[in-house]
Amino acid sequence: MSSPAPSPTAPAVKQPPAADRVYMHVKQAVLDRRYEGGTLLTEGELAQAVGVSRTPVREALLKLEMEGLLKLYPKKGALVLAVSAQEIADVVETRLLVEEFAVRRAVPAPAGLVARLEELLEEQKRRAEVGDLAQVAVTDRCFHAEIVKHAGNQILARLYDQMRDRQLRMGVAVMQSQPDRVAKNIAEHEEILERIRAGDAEGAAQCVRRHLSWVKVLVRGEAR
């Protein structure tokens, strides 16, 4: 009697390289503000947290320093940089230039854009109900990015994508410092969507300007 064939072994899940794991761990914590501005991170602590040696930690921290999230201090560690008032002003000014232009170009909006904005708005409401501020910030950013994408200018869309990390970090900062802003933010997204549905490009642009004008005021109190 022949013995049964051995069961196939499930393929092992391949993990990302160690430096990539450290990079994503630290970056997500900075964007979520679990590592706030002014926090000093040491190589040993990060190596233990992620389960790697110190060499990939150094590689990841160098990359994050190049992205402007950290400042390295030899033999001490890496300091998480706080959001500066100048950075806030620069991001808001750039967003105004890009998003007002984009929403005018996106209107009249195709049905696909309206449906996607409705979906993102509902997702933002669900995340807000359970207090998931990090994901509220993600859906907030996706809402605006979807409009920019439909402006039909790929160079502009790439420029906007370069601000992603700063937008997410500032978004969490706003909601942590001003919890009532979450509901106001959703209401303002509803106004923008209503103007887009109505085919009112100028009205949508004015709503975008009012919406973004709050960011500088609210986050400035967080800057150190």
Foldseek 3Di string as FASTA:
>chain_A
DDDDDDDDDDDDDDDDDPLVQLLVVVLLCDLLCVPAAFRFDALVVSCVVSVHDSVSNVVSLVVVVVLVQWDADPPGGIGGHHCALVNLVVVLVLCLVQQLLLLLLCFLPDPVLLVVLVVLLVVLVVCVVVPVQLVNQVSLLVNSLSSSVSSPDVVSSVVSVSCSSVSSSLSSLLCVQPVVVSVVLSVLSVQLSVCNPVRNSNSNSVSVNVNSVVSSVRCNVVHD
